[in-house]
């Protein structure tokens, strides 16, 4: 996750009742925190930290998501559901495990939404290799396999979550929310479970 901090200072014009907001933009990534960033850096996905007189410090996060499924129509459906949340950004797509490994390195997502059954490299093997390459990167399986055994294999490979495609409308957003906060979420067709 890239960090872009904006310090927002509230100042009231005396007697006019208006508010002036002054912004100082700082970046982490290409520069150190504390250095002003250029317009190109301000346009990238970011976190914003702001301070207002009445609310104190608040943190707003852009969760970066990589979608991995061999069916373009499934990826498009997932993208549509996920991009309904303003604090989430789908940063890329891959159609198999090998492409997922390449994109994880180049796109630096926070969450990988991964299918199990794919050509060239399946999701279980891709998950193992993703965890070796980038420990701590969260993986959520979204699959047609409504199987406790497959779910155990996915979690053993390093995934934080597992949901079945037949219940995406019910489980997907809650699962991504949990996984992005480093909490487990598992849901077969029958019963969702969130763990802290």
Protein backbone atom coordinates (compact mmCIF):
# COMPACT_ATOMS: atom_id res chain seq x y z
CA UNK A 1 0.00 0.00 0.00
CA UNK A 2 1.45 3.39 -0.95
CA UNK A 3 1.15 6.12 1.60
CA UNK A 4 0.22 9.65 0.67
CA UNK A 5 -0.46 11.89 3.62
CA UNK A 6 -2.36 15.12 3.43
CA UNK A 7 -2.34 17.38 6.43
CA UNK A 8 -5.54 19.38 6.34
CA UNK A 9 -5.56 22.52 8.41
CA UNK A 10 -8.85 24.17 9.26
CA UNK A 11 -8.70 27.91 9.63
CA UNK A 12 -11.69 30.12 10.08
CA UNK A 13 -11.74 33.64 8.71
CA UNK A 14 -12.79 35.78 11.65
CA UNK A 15 -16.27 37.10 11.28
CA UNK A 16 -16.87 35.55 7.86
CA UNK A 17 -17.86 32.04 8.96
CA UNK A 18 -15.97 30.36 6.10
CA UNK A 19 -13.42 27.56 6.27
CA UNK A 20 -10.13 27.40 4.43
CA UNK A 21 -8.42 24.04 3.91
CA UNK A 22 -4.67 24.02 3.33
CA UNK A 23 -3.11 20.82 1.93
CA UNK A 24 0.45 19.58 2.19
CA UNK A 25 1.00 16.40 0.18
CA UNK A 26 3.66 13.89 1.16
CA UNK A 27 4.55 10.58 -0.43
CA UNK A 28 6.13 7.30 0.42
CA UNK A 29 7.30 5.09 -2.41
CA UNK A 30 9.39 7.15 -4.80
CA UNK A 31 10.32 9.57 -2.00
CA UNK A 32 10.52 9.60 1.76
CA UNK A 33 7.66 10.68 3.98
CA UNK A 34 8.08 14.39 4.45
CA UNK A 35 9.05 15.18 0.87
CA UNK A 36 6.50 16.93 -1.27
CA UNK A 37 5.33 14.84 -4.20
CA UNK A 38 4.63 15.80 -7.78
CA UNK A 39 1.29 15.61 -9.58
CA UNK A 40 1.98 12.12 -10.98
CA UNK A 41 2.52 10.73 -7.50
CA UNK A 42 -0.63 12.41 -6.21
CA UNK A 43 -2.59 10.59 -8.92
CA UNK A 44 -1.48 7.12 -7.79
CA UNK A 45 -3.45 4.90 -5.35
CA UNK A 46 -2.86 6.15 -1.86
CA UNK A 47 -3.76 6.36 1.75
CA UNK A 48 -4.72 9.74 3.07
CA UNK A 49 -4.21 10.84 6.63
CA UNK A 50 -6.04 13.97 7.56
CA UNK A 51 -6.46 16.02 10.68
CA UNK A 52 -9.49 18.16 11.27
CA UNK A 53 -10.21 20.24 14.31
CA UNK A 54 -13.34 18.30 15.23
CA UNK A 55 -12.42 14.69 14.30
CA UNK A 56 -8.72 14.27 15.09
CA UNK A 57 -6.63 11.93 12.91
CA UNK A 58 -8.39 9.64 10.46
CA UNK A 59 -6.96 7.05 8.10
CA UNK A 60 -8.52 6.25 4.74
CA UNK A 61 -7.03 3.31 2.86
CA UNK A 62 -7.01 2.37 -0.78
CA UNK A 63 -6.91 -1.44 -0.74
CA UNK A 64 -5.18 -2.68 -3.90
CA UNK A 65 -6.71 -5.89 -5.30
CA UNK A 66 -5.45 -8.32 -7.96
CA UNK A 67 -8.08 -10.60 -9.59
CA UNK A 68 -6.98 -14.05 -10.79
CA UNK A 69 -9.42 -16.29 -12.68
CA UNK A 70 -9.22 -18.00 -16.07
CA UNK A 71 -12.69 -16.77 -17.11
CA UNK A 72 -12.80 -13.12 -18.25
CA UNK A 73 -16.52 -12.89 -17.49
CA UNK A 74 -15.87 -13.93 -13.85
CA UNK A 75 -13.07 -11.36 -13.52
CA UNK A 76 -15.38 -8.66 -14.90
CA UNK A 77 -18.13 -9.63 -12.45
CA UNK A 78 -15.69 -9.56 -9.53
CA UNK A 79 -14.34 -6.19 -10.65
CA UNK A 80 -17.85 -4.74 -10.84
CA UNK A 81 -18.72 -5.93 -7.33
CA UNK A 82 -15.43 -4.77 -5.79
CA UNK A 83 -15.21 -1.38 -7.46
CA UNK A 84 -18.52 -0.45 -5.87
CA UNK A 85 -16.46 0.30 -2.76
CA UNK A 86 -14.62 3.62 -3.08
CA UNK A 87 -11.82 2.52 -0.76
CA UNK A 88 -10.94 -0.50 -2.94
CA UNK A 89 -9.10 -0.47 -6.26
CA UNK A 90 -8.70 -3.39 -8.66
CA UNK A 91 -5.13 -2.82 -9.86
CA UNK A 92 -4.90 -5.75 -12.27
CA UNK A 93 -6.09 -9.10 -13.55
CA UNK A 94 -4.44 -12.43 -14.35
CA UNK A 95 -5.80 -15.56 -16.03
CA UNK A 96 -3.64 -18.21 -14.33
CA UNK A 97 -1.20 -18.81 -11.50
CA UNK A 98 1.94 -18.04 -13.51
CA UNK A 99 0.60 -14.67 -14.63
CA UNK A 100 -0.54 -14.00 -11.05
CA UNK A 101 3.02 -14.48 -9.76
CA UNK A 102 4.34 -11.98 -12.31
CA UNK A 103 1.67 -9.40 -11.51
CA UNK A 104 2.04 -9.74 -7.73
CA UNK A 105 5.63 -8.56 -8.11
CA UNK A 106 4.89 -5.68 -10.45
CA UNK A 107 1.55 -4.42 -9.07
CA UNK A 108 2.17 -4.87 -5.31
CA UNK A 109 -1.47 -5.62 -4.37
CA UNK A 110 -2.72 -5.88 -0.78
CA UNK A 111 -5.18 -8.68 -1.56
CA UNK A 112 -5.16 -11.36 -4.28
CA UNK A 113 -8.59 -12.80 -5.16
CA UNK A 114 -7.68 -16.21 -6.58
CA UNK A 115 -9.50 -19.11 -8.25
CA UNK A 116 -8.45 -22.73 -7.56
CA UNK A 117 -8.86 -24.41 -10.96
CA UNK A 118 -6.85 -22.66 -13.69
CA UNK A 119 -4.57 -23.69 -16.59
CA UNK A 120 -0.74 -23.73 -16.41
CA UNK A 121 -0.68 -23.34 -12.60
CA UNK A 122 -3.58 -23.92 -10.21
CA UNK A 123 -4.50 -21.52 -7.43
CA UNK A 124 -3.25 -23.70 -4.55
CA UNK A 125 0.28 -23.83 -6.00
CA UNK A 126 0.15 -20.14 -6.93
CA UNK A 127 -0.87 -19.28 -3.35
CA UNK A 128 2.11 -21.20 -1.93
CA UNK A 129 4.50 -19.40 -4.26
CA UNK A 130 2.90 -15.99 -3.63
CA UNK A 131 3.37 -16.50 0.11
CA UNK A 132 7.04 -17.43 -0.44
CA UNK A 133 7.57 -14.40 -2.68
CA UNK A 134 5.60 -11.90 -0.58
CA UNK A 135 4.90 -13.15 2.95
CA UNK A 136 1.99 -11.30 4.46
CA UNK A 137 0.21 -10.65 1.17
CA UNK A 138 -3.40 -11.68 1.77
CA UNK A 139 -5.03 -14.26 -0.49
CA UNK A 140 -8.78 -14.86 -0.77
CA UNK A 141 -9.92 -17.90 -2.74
CA UNK A 142 -13.11 -17.44 -4.77
CA UNK A 143 -13.93 -20.82 -6.25
CA UNK A 144 -16.65 -23.18 -7.45
CA UNK A 145 -15.34 -25.90 -5.07
CA UNK A 146 -17.80 -26.12 -2.19
CA UNK A 147 -15.55 -28.60 -0.41
CA UNK A 148 -14.22 -28.60 3.18
CA UNK A 149 -11.17 -30.57 1.97
CA UNK A 150 -10.35 -28.01 -0.74
CA UNK A 151 -10.86 -25.19 1.76
CA UNK A 152 -8.37 -26.83 4.15
CA UNK A 153 -5.83 -27.15 1.31
CA UNK A 154 -6.26 -23.48 0.40
CA UNK A 155 -5.77 -22.33 3.98
CA UNK A 156 -2.77 -24.65 4.40
CA UNK A 157 -1.23 -23.02 1.30
CA UNK A 158 -1.39 -19.64 3.06
CA UNK A 159 -4.76 -18.17 2.11
CA UNK A 160 -6.61 -16.02 4.63
CA UNK A 161 -10.05 -16.58 3.12
CA UNK A 162 -12.19 -18.96 1.07
CA UNK A 163 -15.62 -18.35 -0.47
CA UNK A 164 -17.64 -20.19 -3.10
CA UNK A 165 -18.78 -18.51 -6.32
CA UNK A 166 -22.38 -19.59 -5.81
CA UNK A 167 -22.58 -17.20 -2.83
CA UNK A 168 -20.55 -14.23 -4.09
CA UNK A 169 -23.42 -11.80 -3.62
CA UNK A 170 -23.65 -12.86 0.02
CA UNK A 171 -19.98 -13.28 0.94
CA UNK A 172 -17.55 -11.47 -1.36
CA UNK A 173 -17.54 -7.95 0.08
CA UNK A 174 -17.45 -9.14 3.67
CA UNK A 175 -14.65 -11.59 2.81
CA UNK A 176 -12.47 -8.95 1.13
CA UNK A 177 -13.09 -6.57 4.04
CA UNK A 178 -12.00 -9.22 6.56
CA UNK A 179 -8.98 -10.41 4.58
CA UNK A 180 -7.78 -6.84 3.92
CA UNK A 181 -7.76 -6.38 7.71
CA UNK A 182 -5.76 -9.61 8.18
CA UNK A 183 -8.76 -11.54 9.53
CA UNK A 184 -9.79 -14.97 8.30
CA UNK A 185 -13.06 -15.44 6.42
CA UNK A 186 -14.29 -18.83 5.27
CA UNK A 187 -17.67 -19.61 3.78
CA UNK A 188 -18.87 -22.74 2.10
CA UNK A 189 -22.34 -22.62 0.58
CA UNK A 190 -23.89 -23.17 3.97
CA UNK A 191 -22.23 -21.02 6.63
CA UNK A 192 -19.88 -18.01 6.58
CA UNK A 193 -17.33 -17.72 9.40
CA UNK A 194 -15.22 -14.68 10.25
CA UNK A 195 -12.36 -15.04 12.68
CA UNK A 196 -10.45 -12.25 14.35
